[in-house]
């Protein structure tokens, strides 16, 4: 069954890319940069150093690991939690990485059905092989558009107020991201209909340092 799912996912990914190209009359987009982007994002991170020097920030653990390796796309499972409460993550997402041009990329963001079932599964990415796209809930407008600005360096954000949010009375949310060797910064903020910030860091982005692997 797992082998069948892997083959099916691979075919779906290829067919989707071909369909996209045919519908626009364009050649298939170059996807050669996705491997580097995925590698730069993959890993476990901590904001402990920032939290130790600035009480406005919490000590947070961030994990991003590849899943569905034969699907035809690059996918990452993402989990964030207070380091003191790893069993209760406050955010679980699946990212789909796409290359739009030579130096431009898009990260499409999905929530997960029955997300509790996947807590801690960043340690065992193969767990996701038994599931398909039916577990995904598209967060429309919340995709992050990235541009490669240097060796292993990517910067980007969501677009305007496209990412709708009702958290704490918000009307929309924004996300600004910087990825570079050994670290990642993320600034997520929520705003009400009048443009007043109602949640998220106010002084600057969270600074996550990648934890070295043995």
C-alpha atoms as a PDB file:
ATOM      1  CA  UNK A   1       0.000   0.000   0.000  1.00  0.00           C
ATOM      2  CA  UNK A   2       2.786   2.464   0.899  1.00  0.00           C
ATOM      3  CA  UNK A   3       4.550   1.700  -2.385  1.00  0.00           C
ATOM      4  CA  UNK A   4       1.324   2.319  -4.290  1.00  0.00           C
ATOM      5  CA  UNK A   5       0.804   5.646  -2.496  1.00  0.00           C
ATOM      6  CA  UNK A   6       4.373   6.710  -3.317  1.00  0.00           C
ATOM      7  CA  UNK A   7       3.888   5.952  -7.019  1.00  0.00           C
ATOM      8  CA  UNK A   8       0.507   7.706  -7.036  1.00  0.00           C
ATOM      9  CA  UNK A   9       1.920  10.819  -5.361  1.00  0.00           C
ATOM     10  CA  UNK A  10       4.787  10.917  -7.849  1.00  0.00           C
ATOM     11  CA  UNK A  11       2.372  10.708 -10.779  1.00  0.00           C
ATOM     12  CA  UNK A  12       0.130  13.412  -9.294  1.00  0.00           C
ATOM     13  CA  UNK A  13       3.087  15.754  -8.875  1.00  0.00           C
ATOM     14  CA  UNK A  14       4.314  15.265 -12.441  1.00  0.00           C
ATOM     15  CA  UNK A  15       0.812  15.572 -13.918  1.00  0.00           C
ATOM     16  CA  UNK A  16       0.183  18.765 -11.930  1.00  0.00           C
ATOM     17  CA  UNK A  17       3.362  20.375 -13.245  1.00  0.00           C
ATOM     18  CA  UNK A  18       2.601  19.362 -16.818  1.00  0.00           C
ATOM     19  CA  UNK A  19      -0.995  20.603 -16.556  1.00  0.00           C
ATOM     20  CA  UNK A  20       0.177  23.947 -15.181  1.00  0.00           C
ATOM     21  CA  UNK A  21       2.636  24.387 -18.016  1.00  0.00           C
ATOM     22  CA  UNK A  22       0.138  23.381 -20.702  1.00  0.00           C
ATOM     23  CA  UNK A  23      -2.603  25.654 -19.382  1.00  0.00           C
ATOM     24  CA  UNK A  24      -0.300  28.690 -19.563  1.00  0.00           C
ATOM     25  CA  UNK A  25       1.454  27.701 -22.771  1.00  0.00           C
ATOM     26  CA  UNK A  26       4.792  27.876 -20.975  1.00  0.00           C
ATOM     27  CA  UNK A  27       7.648  25.491 -20.445  1.00  0.00           C
ATOM     28  CA  UNK A  28       7.835  23.602 -17.178  1.00  0.00           C
ATOM     29  CA  UNK A  29       9.395  25.899 -14.554  1.00  0.00           C
ATOM     30  CA  UNK A  30      12.938  25.087 -13.537  1.00  0.00           C
ATOM     31  CA  UNK A  31      12.842  23.290 -10.191  1.00  0.00           C
ATOM     32  CA  UNK A  32      16.584  22.826  -9.744  1.00  0.00           C
ATOM     33  CA  UNK A  33      16.795  25.379  -6.905  1.00  0.00           C
ATOM     34  CA  UNK A  34      14.296  23.605  -4.693  1.00  0.00           C
ATOM     35  CA  UNK A  35      16.864  21.159  -3.370  1.00  0.00           C
ATOM     36  CA  UNK A  36      18.998  24.004  -2.008  1.00  0.00           C
ATOM     37  CA  UNK A  37      16.004  25.814  -0.490  1.00  0.00           C
ATOM     38  CA  UNK A  38      14.704  22.651   1.140  1.00  0.00           C
ATOM     39  CA  UNK A  39      18.145  21.871   2.550  1.00  0.00           C
ATOM     40  CA  UNK A  40      18.490  25.403   3.938  1.00  0.00           C
ATOM     41  CA  UNK A  41      15.121  25.159   5.701  1.00  0.00           C
ATOM     42  CA  UNK A  42      15.417  21.588   6.980  1.00  0.00           C
ATOM     43  CA  UNK A  43      16.416  21.060  10.592  1.00  0.00           C
ATOM     44  CA  UNK A  44      15.629  21.839  14.210  1.00  0.00           C
ATOM     45  CA  UNK A  45      15.916  25.393  15.508  1.00  0.00           C
ATOM     46  CA  UNK A  46      15.760  27.206  18.829  1.00  0.00           C
ATOM     47  CA  UNK A  47      15.117  30.809  19.880  1.00  0.00           C
ATOM     48  CA  UNK A  48      16.666  30.192  23.316  1.00  0.00           C
ATOM     49  CA  UNK A  49      19.502  32.697  22.805  1.00  0.00           C
ATOM     50  CA  UNK A  50      17.113  35.502  21.886  1.00  0.00           C
ATOM     51  CA  UNK A  51      14.758  34.654  24.768  1.00  0.00           C
ATOM     52  CA  UNK A  52      17.669  34.739  27.217  1.00  0.00           C
ATOM     53  CA  UNK A  53      18.486  38.347  26.346  1.00  0.00           C
ATOM     54  CA  UNK A  54      15.003  39.758  25.613  1.00  0.00           C
ATOM     55  CA  UNK A  55      11.971  38.909  27.757  1.00  0.00           C
ATOM     56  CA  UNK A  56       9.652  39.977  24.935  1.00  0.00           C
ATOM     57  CA  UNK A  57      10.432  36.669  23.243  1.00  0.00           C
ATOM     58  CA  UNK A  58       9.720  33.098  24.293  1.00  0.00           C
ATOM     59  CA  UNK A  59      12.059  30.127  24.102  1.00  0.00           C
ATOM     60  CA  UNK A  60      10.568  28.288  21.129  1.00  0.00           C
ATOM     61  CA  UNK A  61      11.575  25.121  19.336  1.00  0.00           C
ATOM     62  CA  UNK A  62      11.005  24.909  15.587  1.00  0.00           C
ATOM     63  CA  UNK A  63      11.288  21.708  13.551  1.00  0.00           C
ATOM     64  CA  UNK A  64      11.113  21.449   9.745  1.00  0.00           C
ATOM     65  CA  UNK A  65      11.673  18.125   8.010  1.00  0.00           C
ATOM     66  CA  UNK A  66      10.979  16.745   4.508  1.00  0.00           C
ATOM     67  CA  UNK A  67       8.025  14.431   3.960  1.00  0.00           C
ATOM     68  CA  UNK A  68       6.537  12.683   0.893  1.00  0.00           C
ATOM     69  CA  UNK A  69       9.915  12.502  -0.918  1.00  0.00           C
ATOM     70  CA  UNK A  70       8.492  10.852  -4.064  1.00  0.00           C
ATOM     71  CA  UNK A  71       5.501  13.159  -4.533  1.00  0.00           C
ATOM     72  CA  UNK A  72       6.978  15.323  -7.296  1.00  0.00           C
ATOM     73  CA  UNK A  73       7.148  18.377  -5.051  1.00  0.00           C
ATOM     74  CA  UNK A  74       9.197  19.388  -2.023  1.00  0.00           C
ATOM     75  CA  UNK A  75       7.143  19.153   1.190  1.00  0.00           C
ATOM     76  CA  UNK A  76       8.119  20.000   4.774  1.00  0.00           C
ATOM     77  CA  UNK A  77       6.346  19.174   8.015  1.00  0.00           C
ATOM     78  CA  UNK A  78       6.679  22.129  10.394  1.00  0.00           C
ATOM     79  CA  UNK A  79       6.089  22.081  14.153  1.00  0.00           C
ATOM     80  CA  UNK A  80       6.533  24.896  16.693  1.00  0.00           C
ATOM     81  CA  UNK A  81       6.168  24.705  20.469  1.00  0.00           C
ATOM     82  CA  UNK A  82       7.386  26.319  23.635  1.00  0.00           C
ATOM     83  CA  UNK A  83      10.587  24.466  24.437  1.00  0.00           C
ATOM     84  CA  UNK A  84       9.165  23.755  27.893  1.00  0.00           C
ATOM     85  CA  UNK A  85       6.059  22.115  26.371  1.00  0.00           C
ATOM     86  CA  UNK A  86       7.134  20.131  23.295  1.00  0.00           C
ATOM     87  CA  UNK A  87       4.137  17.821  23.634  1.00  0.00           C
ATOM     88  CA  UNK A  88       1.759  20.754  23.061  1.00  0.00           C
ATOM     89  CA  UNK A  89       2.808  22.501  19.842  1.00  0.00           C
ATOM     90  CA  UNK A  90       0.931  25.706  19.121  1.00  0.00           C
ATOM     91  CA  UNK A  91       1.546  25.442  15.369  1.00  0.00           C
ATOM     92  CA  UNK A  92       1.648  22.486  13.004  1.00  0.00           C
ATOM     93  CA  UNK A  93       1.847  23.071   9.275  1.00  0.00           C
ATOM     94  CA  UNK A  94       2.838  21.408   6.026  1.00  0.00           C
ATOM     95  CA  UNK A  95       4.695  23.538   3.486  1.00  0.00           C
ATOM     96  CA  UNK A  96       4.814  22.877  -0.233  1.00  0.00           C
ATOM     97  CA  UNK A  97       7.853  24.440  -1.902  1.00  0.00           C
ATOM     98  CA  UNK A  98       7.681  25.595  -5.511  1.00  0.00           C
ATOM     99  CA  UNK A  99      10.173  27.370  -7.743  1.00  0.00           C
ATOM    100  CA  UNK A 100       8.618  30.219  -9.747  1.00  0.00           C
ATOM    101  CA  UNK A 101      11.733  31.438 -11.562  1.00  0.00           C
ATOM    102  CA  UNK A 102      15.500  31.195 -11.242  1.00  0.00           C
ATOM    103  CA  UNK A 103      15.627  33.052  -7.919  1.00  0.00           C
ATOM    104  CA  UNK A 104      11.958  33.151  -6.860  1.00  0.00           C
ATOM    105  CA  UNK A 105      10.098  30.598  -4.797  1.00  0.00           C
ATOM    106  CA  UNK A 106       6.752  30.119  -3.098  1.00  0.00           C
ATOM    107  CA  UNK A 107       5.966  28.301   0.125  1.00  0.00           C
ATOM    108  CA  UNK A 108       2.303  27.279   0.179  1.00  0.00           C
ATOM    109  CA  UNK A 109       1.061  26.775   3.743  1.00  0.00           C
ATOM    110  CA  UNK A 110      -1.395  24.097   4.856  1.00  0.00           C
ATOM    111  CA  UNK A 111      -3.001  23.260   8.170  1.00  0.00           C
ATOM    112  CA  UNK A 112      -3.469  19.581   8.979  1.00  0.00           C
ATOM    113  CA  UNK A 113      -6.609  17.596   9.690  1.00  0.00           C
ATOM    114  CA  UNK A 114      -6.392  15.719  13.012  1.00  0.00           C
ATOM    115  CA  UNK A 115      -3.125  17.530  13.718  1.00  0.00           C
ATOM    116  CA  UNK A 116      -2.683  15.914  17.154  1.00  0.00           C
ATOM    117  CA  UNK A 117      -1.988  12.644  15.379  1.00  0.00           C
ATOM    118  CA  UNK A 118       1.195  14.155  13.943  1.00  0.00           C
ATOM    119  CA  UNK A 119       2.726  15.706  17.062  1.00  0.00           C
ATOM    120  CA  UNK A 120       6.413  14.858  17.240  1.00  0.00           C
ATOM    121  CA  UNK A 121       6.394  13.058  13.902  1.00  0.00           C
ATOM    122  CA  UNK A 122       9.179  15.323  12.635  1.00  0.00           C
ATOM    123  CA  UNK A 123      11.344  12.655  14.209  1.00  0.00           C
ATOM    124  CA  UNK A 124       9.826  10.052  11.864  1.00  0.00           C
ATOM    125  CA  UNK A 125       8.932  11.701   8.531  1.00  0.00           C
ATOM    126  CA  UNK A 126       8.088   8.317   6.992  1.00  0.00           C
ATOM    127  CA  UNK A 127       4.969   8.343   9.198  1.00  0.00           C
ATOM    128  CA  UNK A 128       3.391  10.681   6.638  1.00  0.00           C
ATOM    129  CA  UNK A 129       3.728   8.116   3.832  1.00  0.00           C
ATOM    130  CA  UNK A 130       0.454   6.486   4.882  1.00  0.00           C
ATOM    131  CA  UNK A 131      -1.445   9.747   4.281  1.00  0.00           C
ATOM    132  CA  UNK A 132      -2.196  11.784   1.164  1.00  0.00           C
ATOM    133  CA  UNK A 133      -3.361  15.320   0.363  1.00  0.00           C
ATOM    134  CA  UNK A 134      -6.705  14.731   2.101  1.00  0.00           C
ATOM    135  CA  UNK A 135      -5.065  15.717   5.397  1.00  0.00           C
ATOM    136  CA  UNK A 136      -4.247  19.190   4.029  1.00  0.00           C
ATOM    137  CA  UNK A 137      -6.271  22.344   4.703  1.00  0.00           C
ATOM    138  CA  UNK A 138      -5.172  25.154   2.381  1.00  0.00           C
ATOM    139  CA  UNK A 139      -4.558  28.483   4.122  1.00  0.00           C
ATOM    140  CA  UNK A 140      -5.460  30.561   1.087  1.00  0.00           C
ATOM    141  CA  UNK A 141      -3.441  33.721   0.666  1.00  0.00           C
ATOM    142  CA  UNK A 142      -0.931  32.714   3.340  1.00  0.00           C
ATOM    143  CA  UNK A 143       1.809  31.564   1.001  1.00  0.00           C
ATOM    144  CA  UNK A 144       5.239  33.113   1.534  1.00  0.00           C
ATOM    145  CA  UNK A 145       7.032  34.373  -1.578  1.00  0.00           C
ATOM    146  CA  UNK A 146      10.799  34.080  -1.282  1.00  0.00           C
ATOM    147  CA  UNK A 147      13.660  35.473  -3.324  1.00  0.00           C
ATOM    148  CA  UNK A 148      17.193  34.155  -3.266  1.00  0.00           C
ATOM    149  CA  UNK A 149      19.352  37.152  -2.386  1.00  0.00           C
ATOM    150  CA  UNK A 150      22.696  35.433  -1.844  1.00  0.00           C
ATOM    151  CA  UNK A 151      24.377  32.059  -1.288  1.00  0.00           C
ATOM    152  CA  UNK A 152      21.963  30.023   0.867  1.00  0.00           C
ATOM    153  CA  UNK A 153      20.052  33.233   1.642  1.00  0.00           C
ATOM    154  CA  UNK A 154      16.337  33.752   0.981  1.00  0.00           C
ATOM    155  CA  UNK A 155      14.047  36.622   1.959  1.00  0.00           C
ATOM    156  CA  UNK A 156      10.323  37.090   1.537  1.00  0.00           C
ATOM    157  CA  UNK A 157       6.862  37.569   2.946  1.00  0.00           C
ATOM    158  CA  UNK A 158       3.162  37.031   2.443  1.00  0.00           C
ATOM    159  CA  UNK A 159       1.377  39.406   0.074  1.00  0.00           C
ATOM    160  CA  UNK A 160      -0.327  42.482   1.564  1.00  0.00           C
ATOM    161  CA  UNK A 161      -3.431  41.454   3.535  1.00  0.00           C
ATOM    162  CA  UNK A 162      -4.165  38.266   1.565  1.00  0.00           C
ATOM    163  CA  UNK A 163      -3.700  35.929   4.550  1.00  0.00           C
ATOM    164  CA  UNK A 164      -6.966  36.094   6.470  1.00  0.00           C
ATOM    165  CA  UNK A 165      -6.951  35.524  10.237  1.00  0.00           C
ATOM    166  CA  UNK A 166      -9.504  35.820  13.045  1.00  0.00           C
ATOM    167  CA  UNK A 167      -7.084  35.115  15.892  1.00  0.00           C
ATOM    168  CA  UNK A 168      -7.545  37.588  18.783  1.00  0.00           C
ATOM    169  CA  UNK A 169      -9.811  39.762  16.655  1.00  0.00           C
ATOM    170  CA  UNK A 170      -7.456  39.968  13.690  1.00  0.00           C
ATOM    171  CA  UNK A 171      -8.632  40.525  10.143  1.00  0.00           C
ATOM    172  CA  UNK A 172      -5.445  39.381   8.426  1.00  0.00           C
ATOM    173  CA  UNK A 173      -1.951  38.142   9.209  1.00  0.00           C
ATOM    174  CA  UNK A 174       1.454  38.792   7.691  1.00  0.00           C
ATOM    175  CA  UNK A 175       4.669  36.822   7.784  1.00  0.00           C
ATOM    176  CA  UNK A 176       8.199  37.999   6.983  1.00  0.00           C
ATOM    177  CA  UNK A 177      10.950  35.418   6.644  1.00  0.00           C
ATOM    178  CA  UNK A 178      14.728  35.396   6.285  1.00  0.00           C
ATOM    179  CA  UNK A 179      16.568  32.132   5.740  1.00  0.00           C
ATOM    180  CA  UNK A 180      20.331  31.886   5.706  1.00  0.00           C
ATOM    181  CA  UNK A 181      23.062  29.482   6.693  1.00  0.00           C
ATOM    182  CA  UNK A 182      22.539  28.303  10.242  1.00  0.00           C
ATOM    183  CA  UNK A 183      19.587  30.494  11.106  1.00  0.00           C
ATOM    184  CA  UNK A 184      16.068  31.587  10.255  1.00  0.00           C
ATOM    185  CA  UNK A 185      14.103  34.650  11.317  1.00  0.00           C
ATOM    186  CA  UNK A 186      10.312  34.784  11.287  1.00  0.00           C
ATOM    187  CA  UNK A 187       8.030  37.714  12.060  1.00  0.00           C
ATOM    188  CA  UNK A 188       4.354  36.765  12.228  1.00  0.00           C
ATOM    189  CA  UNK A 189       1.842  39.495  13.041  1.00  0.00           C
ATOM    190  CA  UNK A 190      -1.941  39.837  13.095  1.00  0.00           C
ATOM    191  CA  UNK A 191      -3.804  43.052  12.275  1.00  0.00           C
ATOM    192  CA  UNK A 192      -7.417  44.137  12.638  1.00  0.00           C
ATOM    193  CA  UNK A 193      -9.500  45.745   9.891  1.00  0.00           C
ATOM    194  CA  UNK A 194      -8.045  49.158  10.766  1.00  0.00           C
ATOM    195  CA  UNK A 195      -4.464  47.957  10.416  1.00  0.00           C
ATOM    196  CA  UNK A 196      -3.808  47.869  14.178  1.00  0.00           C
ATOM    197  CA  UNK A 197      -1.601  45.010  15.343  1.00  0.00           C
ATOM    198  CA  UNK A 198      -3.442  42.654  17.694  1.00  0.00           C
ATOM    199  CA  UNK A 199      -0.994  39.754  18.040  1.00  0.00           C
ATOM    200  CA  UNK A 200       2.593  38.803  17.302  1.00  0.00           C
ATOM    201  CA  UNK A 201       5.984  40.258  18.144  1.00  0.00           C
ATOM    202  CA  UNK A 202       6.169  44.046  17.998  1.00  0.00           C
ATOM    203  CA  UNK A 203       9.902  44.752  18.202  1.00  0.00           C
ATOM    204  CA  UNK A 204      11.190  42.478  15.478  1.00  0.00           C
ATOM    205  CA  UNK A 205      11.297  38.887  14.238  1.00  0.00           C
ATOM    206  CA  UNK A 206      11.959  35.740  16.207  1.00  0.00           C
ATOM    207  CA  UNK A 207      15.526  34.595  15.673  1.00  0.00           C
ATOM    208  CA  UNK A 208      15.943  30.849  15.369  1.00  0.00           C
ATOM    209  CA  UNK A 209      19.388  29.264  15.425  1.00  0.00           C
ATOM    210  CA  UNK A 210      19.753  25.886  13.728  1.00  0.00           C
ATOM    211  CA  UNK A 211      20.779  23.107  16.109  1.00  0.00           C
ATOM    212  CA  UNK A 212      23.827  21.257  14.727  1.00  0.00           C
ATOM    213  CA  UNK A 213      23.343  17.581  13.951  1.00  0.00           C
ATOM    214  CA  UNK A 214      25.808  14.945  15.032  1.00  0.00           C
END
